[in-house]
Amino acid sequence: AHRRGVLIVGLCLGTFAIAGAGLLAGREATTHWAYTGQL
């Protein structure tokens, strides 16, 4: 989906899934404040 130029959206802990796919490397992101340290 990302290669096709699709908009990828991670809400709350969904950020972890996008990061797990390697799509957030070198990028800026956020997630629930209680999980930012774990991310």
PDB file of all heavy atoms in Angstrom:
ATOM      1  N   ALA A   1       0.838  -1.209   0.000  1.00  0.00           N
ATOM      2  CA  ALA A   1       0.000   0.000   0.000  1.00  0.00           C
ATOM      3  C   ALA A   1       0.865   1.249   0.000  1.00  0.00           C
ATOM      4  O   ALA A   1       0.595   2.218  -0.727  1.00  0.00           O
ATOM      5  CB  ALA A   1      -0.936  -0.015   1.205  1.00  0.00           C
ATOM      6  N   HIS A   2       1.915   1.237   0.803  1.00  0.00           N
ATOM      7  CA  HIS A   2       2.798   2.403   0.881  1.00  0.00           C
ATOM      8  C   HIS A   2       3.493   2.654  -0.449  1.00  0.00           C
ATOM      9  O   HIS A   2       3.635   3.807  -0.886  1.00  0.00           O
ATOM     10  CB  HIS A   2       3.826   2.196   1.986  1.00  0.00           C
ATOM     11  CG  HIS A   2       4.708   3.380   2.210  1.00  0.00           C
ATOM     12  ND1 HIS A   2       6.027   3.437   1.812  1.00  0.00           N
ATOM     13  CD2 HIS A   2       4.439   4.590   2.779  1.00  0.00           C
ATOM     14  CE1 HIS A   2       6.536   4.604   2.128  1.00  0.00           C
ATOM     15  NE2 HIS A   2       5.603   5.327   2.723  1.00  0.00           N
ATOM     16  N   ARG A   3       3.929   1.595  -1.127  1.00  0.00           N
ATOM     17  CA  ARG A   3       4.584   1.760  -2.437  1.00  0.00           C
ATOM     18  C   ARG A   3       3.623   2.348  -3.462  1.00  0.00           C
ATOM     19  O   ARG A   3       4.055   3.050  -4.383  1.00  0.00           O
ATOM     20  CB  ARG A   3       5.126   0.414  -2.921  1.00  0.00           C
ATOM     21  CG  ARG A   3       6.388  -0.049  -2.184  1.00  0.00           C
ATOM     22  CD  ARG A   3       7.060  -1.189  -2.917  1.00  0.00           C
ATOM     23  NE  ARG A   3       6.250  -2.396  -2.917  1.00  0.00           N
ATOM     24  CZ  ARG A   3       6.344  -3.357  -1.997  1.00  0.00           C
ATOM     25  NH1 ARG A   3       7.215  -3.239  -1.003  1.00  0.00           N
ATOM     26  NH2 ARG A   3       5.577  -4.434  -2.079  1.00  0.00           N
ATOM     27  N   ARG A   4       2.326   2.090  -3.297  1.00  0.00           N
ATOM     28  CA  ARG A   4       1.337   2.645  -4.230  1.00  0.00           C
ATOM     29  C   ARG A   4       1.010   4.103  -3.935  1.00  0.00           C
ATOM     30  O   ARG A   4       0.255   4.737  -4.662  1.00  0.00           O
ATOM     31  CB  ARG A   4       0.039   1.834  -4.172  1.00  0.00           C
ATOM     32  CG  ARG A   4       0.108   0.460  -4.787  1.00  0.00           C
ATOM     33  CD  ARG A   4      -1.294  -0.117  -5.006  1.00  0.00           C
ATOM     34  NE  ARG A   4      -2.070  -0.259  -3.790  1.00  0.00           N
ATOM     35  CZ  ARG A   4      -3.153   0.475  -3.488  1.00  0.00           C
ATOM     36  NH1 ARG A   4      -3.559   1.440  -4.302  1.00  0.00           N
ATOM     37  NH2 ARG A   4      -3.818   0.261  -2.372  1.00  0.00           N
ATOM     38  N   GLY A   5       1.555   4.627  -2.841  1.00  0.00           N
ATOM     39  CA  GLY A   5       1.278   6.018  -2.493  1.00  0.00           C
ATOM     40  C   GLY A   5       0.036   6.202  -1.656  1.00  0.00           C
ATOM     41  O   GLY A   5      -0.493   7.319  -1.550  1.00  0.00           O
ATOM     42  N   VAL A   6      -0.428   5.113  -1.038  1.00  0.00           N
ATOM     43  CA  VAL A   6      -1.613   5.184  -0.183  1.00  0.00           C
ATOM     44  C   VAL A   6      -1.279   5.958   1.097  1.00  0.00           C
ATOM     45  O   VAL A   6      -0.168   5.881   1.615  1.00  0.00           O
ATOM     46  CB  VAL A   6      -2.079   3.749   0.173  1.00  0.00           C
ATOM     47  CG1 VAL A   6      -3.154   3.755   1.252  1.00  0.00           C
ATOM     48  CG2 VAL A   6      -2.579   3.044  -1.076  1.00  0.00           C
ATOM     49  N   LEU A   7      -2.238   6.703   1.610  1.00  0.00           N
ATOM     50  CA  LEU A   7      -2.074   7.367   2.894  1.00  0.00           C
ATOM     51  C   LEU A   7      -2.217   6.324   3.994  1.00  0.00           C
ATOM     52  O   LEU A   7      -3.255   5.651   4.108  1.00  0.00           O
ATOM     53  CB  LEU A   7      -3.123   8.465   3.077  1.00  0.00           C
ATOM     54  CG  LEU A   7      -3.122   9.180   4.446  1.00  0.00           C
ATOM     55  CD1 LEU A   7      -1.805   9.908   4.667  1.00  0.00           C
ATOM     56  CD2 LEU A   7      -4.303  10.146   4.552  1.00  0.00           C
ATOM     57  N   ILE A   8      -1.191   6.170   4.825  1.00  0.00           N
ATOM     58  CA  ILE A   8      -1.208   5.218   5.935  1.00  0.00           C
ATOM     59  C   ILE A   8      -1.412   5.992   7.228  1.00  0.00           C
ATOM     60  O   ILE A   8      -0.673   6.931   7.520  1.00  0.00           O
ATOM     61  CB  ILE A   8       0.115   4.424   6.017  1.00  0.00           C
ATOM     62  CG1 ILE A   8       0.468   3.813   4.652  1.00  0.00           C
ATOM     63  CG2 ILE A   8       0.015   3.358   7.101  1.00  0.00           C
ATOM     64  CD1 ILE A   8      -0.442   2.719   4.201  1.00  0.00           C
ATOM     65  N   VAL A   9      -2.400   5.582   8.016  1.00  0.00           N
ATOM     66  CA  VAL A   9      -2.763   6.310   9.239  1.00  0.00           C
ATOM     67  C   VAL A   9      -2.720   5.354  10.430  1.00  0.00           C
ATOM     68  O   VAL A   9      -3.365   4.303  10.417  1.00  0.00           O
ATOM     69  CB  VAL A   9      -4.176   6.925   9.127  1.00  0.00           C
ATOM     70  CG1 VAL A   9      -4.511   7.721  10.387  1.00  0.00           C
ATOM     71  CG2 VAL A   9      -4.278   7.798   7.886  1.00  0.00           C
ATOM     72  N   GLY A  10      -1.977   5.735  11.459  1.00  0.00           N
ATOM     73  CA  GLY A  10      -1.940   4.964  12.701  1.00  0.00           C
ATOM     74  C   GLY A  10      -2.541   5.773  13.823  1.00  0.00           C
ATOM     75  O   GLY A  10      -1.995   6.817  14.194  1.00  0.00           O
ATOM     76  N   LEU A  11      -3.671   5.335  14.359  1.00  0.00           N
ATOM     77  CA  LEU A  11      -4.313   6.029  15.468  1.00  0.00           C
ATOM     78  C   LEU A  11      -3.874   5.371  16.771  1.00  0.00           C
ATOM     79  O   LEU A  11      -3.888   4.148  16.898  1.00  0.00           O
ATOM     80  CB  LEU A  11      -5.837   5.960  15.347  1.00  0.00           C
ATOM     81  CG  LEU A  11      -6.444   6.452  14.027  1.00  0.00           C
ATOM     82  CD1 LEU A  11      -7.969   6.307  14.065  1.00  0.00           C
ATOM     83  CD2 LEU A  11      -6.053   7.899  13.740  1.00  0.00           C
ATOM     84  N   CYS A  12      -3.470   6.190  17.729  1.00  0.00           N
ATOM     85  CA  CYS A  12      -3.079   5.686  19.045  1.00  0.00           C
ATOM     86  C   CYS A  12      -1.972   4.632  18.897  1.00  0.00           C
ATOM     87  O   CYS A  12      -0.935   4.902  18.304  1.00  0.00           O
ATOM     88  CB  CYS A  12      -4.305   5.136  19.771  1.00  0.00           C
ATOM     89  SG  CYS A  12      -4.040   4.838  21.550  1.00  0.00           S
ATOM     90  N   LEU A  13      -2.198   3.412  19.370  1.00  0.00           N
ATOM     91  CA  LEU A  13      -1.171   2.371  19.311  1.00  0.00           C
ATOM     92  C   LEU A  13      -1.003   1.800  17.901  1.00  0.00           C
ATOM     93  O   LEU A  13      -0.097   0.991  17.671  1.00  0.00           O
ATOM     94  CB  LEU A  13      -1.504   1.244  20.298  1.00  0.00           C
ATOM     95  CG  LEU A  13      -1.588   1.663  21.767  1.00  0.00           C
ATOM     96  CD1 LEU A  13      -1.857   0.447  22.647  1.00  0.00           C
ATOM     97  CD2 LEU A  13      -0.318   2.378  22.220  1.00  0.00           C
ATOM     98  N   GLY A  14      -1.825   2.215  16.972  1.00  0.00           N
ATOM     99  CA  GLY A  14      -1.639   1.824  15.581  1.00  0.00           C
ATOM    100  C   GLY A  14      -0.296   2.273  15.038  1.00  0.00           C
ATOM    101  O   GLY A  14       0.216   1.702  14.064  1.00  0.00           O
ATOM    102  N   THR A  15       0.309   3.275  15.670  1.00  0.00           N
ATOM    103  CA  THR A  15       1.644   3.719  15.290  1.00  0.00           C
ATOM    104  C   THR A  15       2.649   2.575  15.391  1.00  0.00           C
ATOM    105  O   THR A  15       3.575   2.471  14.586  1.00  0.00           O
ATOM    106  CB  THR A  15       2.090   4.892  16.188  1.00  0.00           C
ATOM    107  OG1 THR A  15       1.159   5.966  16.065  1.00  0.00           O
ATOM    108  CG2 THR A  15       3.478   5.387  15.812  1.00  0.00           C
ATOM    109  N   PHE A  16       2.462   1.700  16.385  1.00  0.00           N
ATOM    110  CA  PHE A  16       3.383   0.572  16.561  1.00  0.00           C
ATOM    111  C   PHE A  16       3.358  -0.356  15.350  1.00  0.00           C
ATOM    112  O   PHE A  16       4.385  -0.914  14.965  1.00  0.00           O
ATOM    113  CB  PHE A  16       3.028  -0.207  17.826  1.00  0.00           C
ATOM    114  CG  PHE A  16       3.517   0.423  19.097  1.00  0.00           C
ATOM    115  CD1 PHE A  16       2.829   1.475  19.678  1.00  0.00           C
ATOM    116  CD2 PHE A  16       4.666  -0.036  19.720  1.00  0.00           C
ATOM    117  CE1 PHE A  16       3.276   2.055  20.861  1.00  0.00           C
ATOM    118  CE2 PHE A  16       5.126   0.536  20.905  1.00  0.00           C
ATOM    119  CZ  PHE A  16       4.432   1.596  21.473  1.00  0.00           C
ATOM    120  N   ALA A  17       2.187  -0.551  14.765  1.00  0.00           N
ATOM    121  CA  ALA A  17       2.085  -1.424  13.599  1.00  0.00           C
ATOM    122  C   ALA A  17       2.830  -0.822  12.407  1.00  0.00           C
ATOM    123  O   ALA A  17       3.559  -1.520  11.689  1.00  0.00           O
ATOM    124  CB  ALA A  17       0.620  -1.665  13.237  1.00  0.00           C
ATOM    125  N   ILE A  18       2.669   0.479  12.202  1.00  0.00           N
ATOM    126  CA  ILE A  18       3.363   1.138  11.094  1.00  0.00           C
ATOM    127  C   ILE A  18       4.866   1.083  11.316  1.00  0.00           C
ATOM    128  O   ILE A  18       5.639   0.826  10.388  1.00  0.00           O
ATOM    129  CB  ILE A  18       2.878   2.594  10.946  1.00  0.00           C
ATOM    130  CG1 ILE A  18       1.369   2.637  10.711  1.00  0.00           C
ATOM    131  CG2 ILE A  18       3.607   3.286   9.799  1.00  0.00           C
ATOM    132  CD1 ILE A  18       0.798   4.024  10.651  1.00  0.00           C
ATOM    133  N   ALA A  19       5.287   1.305  12.565  1.00  0.00           N
ATOM    134  CA  ALA A  19       6.712   1.216  12.878  1.00  0.00           C
ATOM    135  C   ALA A  19       7.223  -0.201  12.678  1.00  0.00           C
ATOM    136  O   ALA A  19       8.348  -0.410  12.190  1.00  0.00           O
ATOM    137  CB  ALA A  19       6.954   1.658  14.323  1.00  0.00           C
ATOM    138  N   GLY A  20       6.411  -1.193  13.023  1.00  0.00           N
ATOM    139  CA  GLY A  20       6.804  -2.581  12.847  1.00  0.00           C
ATOM    140  C   GLY A  20       6.999  -2.968  11.406  1.00  0.00           C
ATOM    141  O   GLY A  20       7.745  -3.907  11.098  1.00  0.00           O
ATOM    142  N   ALA A  21       6.350  -2.244  10.508  1.00  0.00           N
ATOM    143  CA  ALA A  21       6.524  -2.483   9.075  1.00  0.00           C
ATOM    144  C   ALA A  21       7.749  -1.764   8.525  1.00  0.00           C
ATOM    145  O   ALA A  21       8.068  -1.886   7.342  1.00  0.00           O
ATOM    146  CB  ALA A  21       5.272  -2.044   8.312  1.00  0.00           C
ATOM    147  N   GLY A  22       8.423  -0.987   9.390  1.00  0.00           N
ATOM    148  CA  GLY A  22       9.615  -0.264   8.958  1.00  0.00           C
ATOM    149  C   GLY A  22       9.330   1.020   8.218  1.00  0.00           C
ATOM    150  O   GLY A  22      10.232   1.610   7.615  1.00  0.00           O
ATOM    151  N   LEU A  23       8.092   1.512   8.296  1.00  0.00           N
ATOM    152  CA  LEU A  23       7.708   2.685   7.509  1.00  0.00           C
ATOM    153  C   LEU A  23       7.967   4.011   8.220  1.00  0.00           C
ATOM    154  O   LEU A  23       7.796   5.074   7.617  1.00  0.00           O
ATOM    155  CB  LEU A  23       6.224   2.594   7.128  1.00  0.00           C
ATOM    156  CG  LEU A  23       5.859   1.441   6.185  1.00  0.00           C
ATOM    157  CD1 LEU A  23       4.360   1.405   5.942  1.00  0.00           C
ATOM    158  CD2 LEU A  23       6.599   1.600   4.854  1.00  0.00           C
ATOM    159  N   LEU A  24       8.360   3.955   9.491  1.00  0.00           N
ATOM    160  CA  LEU A  24       8.583   5.200  10.232  1.00  0.00           C
ATOM    161  C   LEU A  24      10.054   5.490  10.481  1.00  0.00           C
ATOM    162  O   LEU A  24      10.386   6.479  11.151  1.00  0.00           O
ATOM    163  CB  LEU A  24       7.846   5.151  11.575  1.00  0.00           C
ATOM    164  CG  LEU A  24       6.315   5.245  11.501  1.00  0.00           C
ATOM    165  CD1 LEU A  24       5.694   5.086  12.874  1.00  0.00           C
ATOM    166  CD2 LEU A  24       5.887   6.570  10.877  1.00  0.00           C
ATOM    167  N   ALA A  25      10.942   4.679   9.962  1.00  0.00           N
ATOM    168  CA  ALA A  25      12.376   4.895  10.157  1.00  0.00           C
ATOM    169  C   ALA A  25      12.785   6.264   9.613  1.00  0.00           C
ATOM    170  O   ALA A  25      12.498   6.595   8.460  1.00  0.00           O
ATOM    171  CB  ALA A  25      13.175   3.800   9.461  1.00  0.00           C
ATOM    172  N   GLY A  26      13.428   7.069  10.464  1.00  0.00           N
ATOM    173  CA  GLY A  26      13.866   8.393  10.052  1.00  0.00           C
ATOM    174  C   GLY A  26      12.763   9.422   9.968  1.00  0.00           C
ATOM    175  O   GLY A  26      12.982  10.541   9.502  1.00  0.00           O
ATOM    176  N   ARG A  27      11.572   9.062  10.436  1.00  0.00           N
ATOM    177  CA  ARG A  27      10.427   9.968  10.356  1.00  0.00           C
ATOM    178  C   ARG A  27      10.019  10.453  11.748  1.00  0.00           C
ATOM    179  O   ARG A  27      10.475   9.948  12.768  1.00  0.00           O
ATOM    180  CB  ARG A  27       9.231   9.274   9.712  1.00  0.00           C
ATOM    181  CG  ARG A  27       9.350   9.040   8.204  1.00  0.00           C
ATOM    182  CD  ARG A  27       8.119   8.309   7.725  1.00  0.00           C
ATOM    183  NE  ARG A  27       8.076   8.121   6.292  1.00  0.00           N
ATOM    184  CZ  ARG A  27       7.271   8.793   5.461  1.00  0.00           C
ATOM    185  NH1 ARG A  27       6.473   9.724   5.936  1.00  0.00           N
ATOM    186  NH2 ARG A  27       7.270   8.527   4.173  1.00  0.00           N
ATOM    187  N   GLU A  28       9.095  11.411  11.741  1.00  0.00           N
ATOM    188  CA  GLU A  28       8.511  11.915  12.981  1.00  0.00           C
ATOM    189  C   GLU A  28       7.153  11.269  13.180  1.00  0.00           C
ATOM    190  O   GLU A  28       6.400  11.061  12.212  1.00  0.00           O
ATOM    191  CB  GLU A  28       8.377  13.432  12.922  1.00  0.00           C
ATOM    192  CG  GLU A  28       7.924  14.074  14.219  1.00  0.00           C
ATOM    193  CD  GLU A  28       7.937  15.596  14.154  1.00  0.00           C
ATOM    194  OE1 GLU A  28       8.782  16.143  13.421  1.00  0.00           O
ATOM    195  OE2 GLU A  28       7.114  16.223  14.844  1.00  0.00           O
ATOM    196  N   ALA A  29       6.815  10.922  14.422  1.00  0.00           N
ATOM    197  CA  ALA A  29       5.545  10.260  14.708  1.00  0.00           C
ATOM    198  C   ALA A  29       5.147  10.537  16.148  1.00  0.00           C
ATOM    199  O   ALA A  29       5.913  11.076  16.938  1.00  0.00           O
ATOM    200  CB  ALA A  29       5.651   8.760  14.468  1.00  0.00           C
ATOM    201  N   THR A  30       3.922  10.122  16.484  1.00  0.00           N
ATOM    202  CA  THR A  30       3.460  10.204  17.861  1.00  0.00           C
ATOM    203  C   THR A  30       2.598   9.000  18.157  1.00  0.00           C
ATOM    204  O   THR A  30       2.236   8.226  17.263  1.00  0.00           O
ATOM    205  CB  THR A  30       2.687  11.511  18.126  1.00  0.00           C
ATOM    206  OG1 THR A  30       2.507  11.683  19.538  1.00  0.00           O
ATOM    207  CG2 THR A  30       1.324  11.515  17.437  1.00  0.00           C
ATOM    208  N   THR A  31       2.271   8.818  19.423  1.00  0.00           N
ATOM    209  CA  THR A  31       1.365   7.770  19.880  1.00  0.00           C
ATOM    210  C   THR A  31       0.846   8.191  21.252  1.00  0.00           C
ATOM    211  O   THR A  31       1.120   9.311  21.702  1.00  0.00           O
ATOM    212  CB  THR A  31       2.073   6.394  19.930  1.00  0.00           C
ATOM    213  OG1 THR A  31       1.090   5.378  20.170  1.00  0.00           O
ATOM    214  CG2 THR A  31       3.136   6.346  21.013  1.00  0.00           C
ATOM    215  N   HIS A  32       0.105   7.323  21.906  1.00  0.00           N
ATOM    216  CA  HIS A  32      -0.394   7.629  23.246  1.00  0.00           C
ATOM    217  C   HIS A  32       0.791   7.961  24.151  1.00  0.00           C
ATOM    218  O   HIS A  32       1.793   7.247  24.168  1.00  0.00           O
ATOM    219  CB  HIS A  32      -1.152   6.421  23.793  1.00  0.00           C
ATOM    220  CG  HIS A  32      -1.908   6.687  25.056  1.00  0.00           C
ATOM    221  ND1 HIS A  32      -1.281   6.994  26.248  1.00  0.00           N
ATOM    222  CD2 HIS A  32      -3.240   6.680  25.322  1.00  0.00           C
ATOM    223  CE1 HIS A  32      -2.187   7.167  27.191  1.00  0.00           C
ATOM    224  NE2 HIS A  32      -3.392   6.980  26.653  1.00  0.00           N
ATOM    225  N   TRP A  33       0.661   9.031  24.935  1.00  0.00           N
ATOM    226  CA  TRP A  33       1.796   9.511  25.730  1.00  0.00           C
ATOM    227  C   TRP A  33       2.363   8.448  26.672  1.00  0.00           C
ATOM    228  O   TRP A  33       3.561   8.418  26.946  1.00  0.00           O
ATOM    229  CB  TRP A  33       1.401  10.748  26.548  1.00  0.00           C
ATOM    230  CG  TRP A  33       0.314  10.554  27.569  1.00  0.00           C
ATOM    231  CD1 TRP A  33      -1.014  10.821  27.422  1.00  0.00           C
ATOM    232  CD2 TRP A  33       0.462  10.062  28.911  1.00  0.00           C
ATOM    233  NE1 TRP A  33      -1.701  10.531  28.566  1.00  0.00           N
ATOM    234  CE2 TRP A  33      -0.821  10.065  29.509  1.00  0.00           C
ATOM    235  CE3 TRP A  33       1.547   9.634  29.664  1.00  0.00           C
ATOM    236  CZ2 TRP A  33      -1.048   9.645  30.809  1.00  0.00           C
ATOM    237  CZ3 TRP A  33       1.324   9.207  30.980  1.00  0.00           C
ATOM    238  CH2 TRP A  33       0.036   9.221  31.532  1.00  0.00           C
ATOM    239  N   ALA A  34       1.517   7.526  27.151  1.00  0.00           N
ATOM    240  CA  ALA A  34       1.994   6.513  28.089  1.00  0.00           C
ATOM    241  C   ALA A  34       2.866   5.455  27.414  1.00  0.00           C
ATOM    242  O   ALA A  34       3.511   4.662  28.100  1.00  0.00           O
ATOM    243  CB  ALA A  34       0.800   5.833  28.771  1.00  0.00           C
ATOM    244  N   TYR A  35       2.887   5.449  26.075  1.00  0.00           N
ATOM    245  CA  TYR A  35       3.633   4.419  25.337  1.00  0.00           C
ATOM    246  C   TYR A  35       4.767   4.999  24.498  1.00  0.00           C
ATOM    247  O   TYR A  35       5.405   4.261  23.746  1.00  0.00           O
ATOM    248  CB  TYR A  35       2.682   3.632  24.427  1.00  0.00           C
ATOM    249  CG  TYR A  35       1.675   2.805  25.196  1.00  0.00           C
ATOM    250  CD1 TYR A  35       0.473   3.368  25.622  1.00  0.00           C
ATOM    251  CD2 TYR A  35       1.929   1.471  25.512  1.00  0.00           C
ATOM    252  CE1 TYR A  35      -0.449   2.628  26.345  1.00  0.00           C
ATOM    253  CE2 TYR A  35       1.012   0.721  26.222  1.00  0.00           C
ATOM    254  CZ  TYR A  35      -0.173   1.297  26.637  1.00  0.00           C
ATOM    255  OH  TYR A  35      -1.088   0.558  27.350  1.00  0.00           O
ATOM    256  N   THR A  36       5.026   6.299  24.619  1.00  0.00           N
ATOM    257  CA  THR A  36       6.081   6.892  23.790  1.00  0.00           C
ATOM    258  C   THR A  36       7.454   6.329  24.135  1.00  0.00           C
ATOM    259  O   THR A  36       8.290   6.115  23.256  1.00  0.00           O
ATOM    260  CB  THR A  36       6.095   8.422  23.948  1.00  0.00           C
ATOM    261  OG1 THR A  36       6.174   8.771  25.337  1.00  0.00           O
ATOM    262  CG2 THR A  36       4.842   9.035  23.348  1.00  0.00           C
ATOM    263  N   GLY A  37       7.698   6.066  25.425  1.00  0.00           N
ATOM    264  CA  GLY A  37       8.981   5.494  25.820  1.00  0.00           C
ATOM    265  C   GLY A  37       9.190   4.112  25.232  1.00  0.00           C
ATOM    266  O   GLY A  37      10.283   3.772  24.761  1.00  0.00           O
ATOM    267  N   GLN A  38       8.135   3.299  25.244  1.00  0.00           N
ATOM    268  CA  GLN A  38       8.229   1.951  24.680  1.00  0.00           C
ATOM    269  C   GLN A  38       8.454   2.006  23.173  1.00  0.00           C
ATOM    270  O   GLN A  38       9.248   1.241  22.623  1.00  0.00           O
ATOM    271  CB  GLN A  38       6.952   1.170  24.997  1.00  0.00           C
ATOM    272  CG  GLN A  38       7.001  -0.299  24.588  1.00  0.00           C
ATOM    273  CD  GLN A  38       5.748  -1.051  25.029  1.00  0.00           C
ATOM    274  OE1 GLN A  38       4.832  -0.476  25.609  1.00  0.00           O
ATOM    275  NE2 GLN A  38       5.708  -2.345  24.759  1.00  0.00           N
ATOM    276  N   LEU A  39       7.753   2.916  22.508  1.00  0.00           N
ATOM    277  CA  LEU A  39       7.938   3.064  21.064  1.00  0.00           C
ATOM    278  C   LEU A  39       9.361   3.493  20.736  1.00  0.00           C
ATOM    279  O   LEU A  39       9.984   2.968  19.799  1.00  0.00           O
ATOM    280  CB  LEU A  39       6.937   4.087  20.511  1.00  0.00           C
ATOM    281  CG  LEU A  39       6.990   4.339  19.004  1.00  0.00           C
ATOM    282  CD1 LEU A  39       6.651   3.072  18.226  1.00  0.00           C
ATOM    283  CD2 LEU A  39       6.035   5.480  18.615  1.00  0.00           C
TER     284      LEU A  39
END
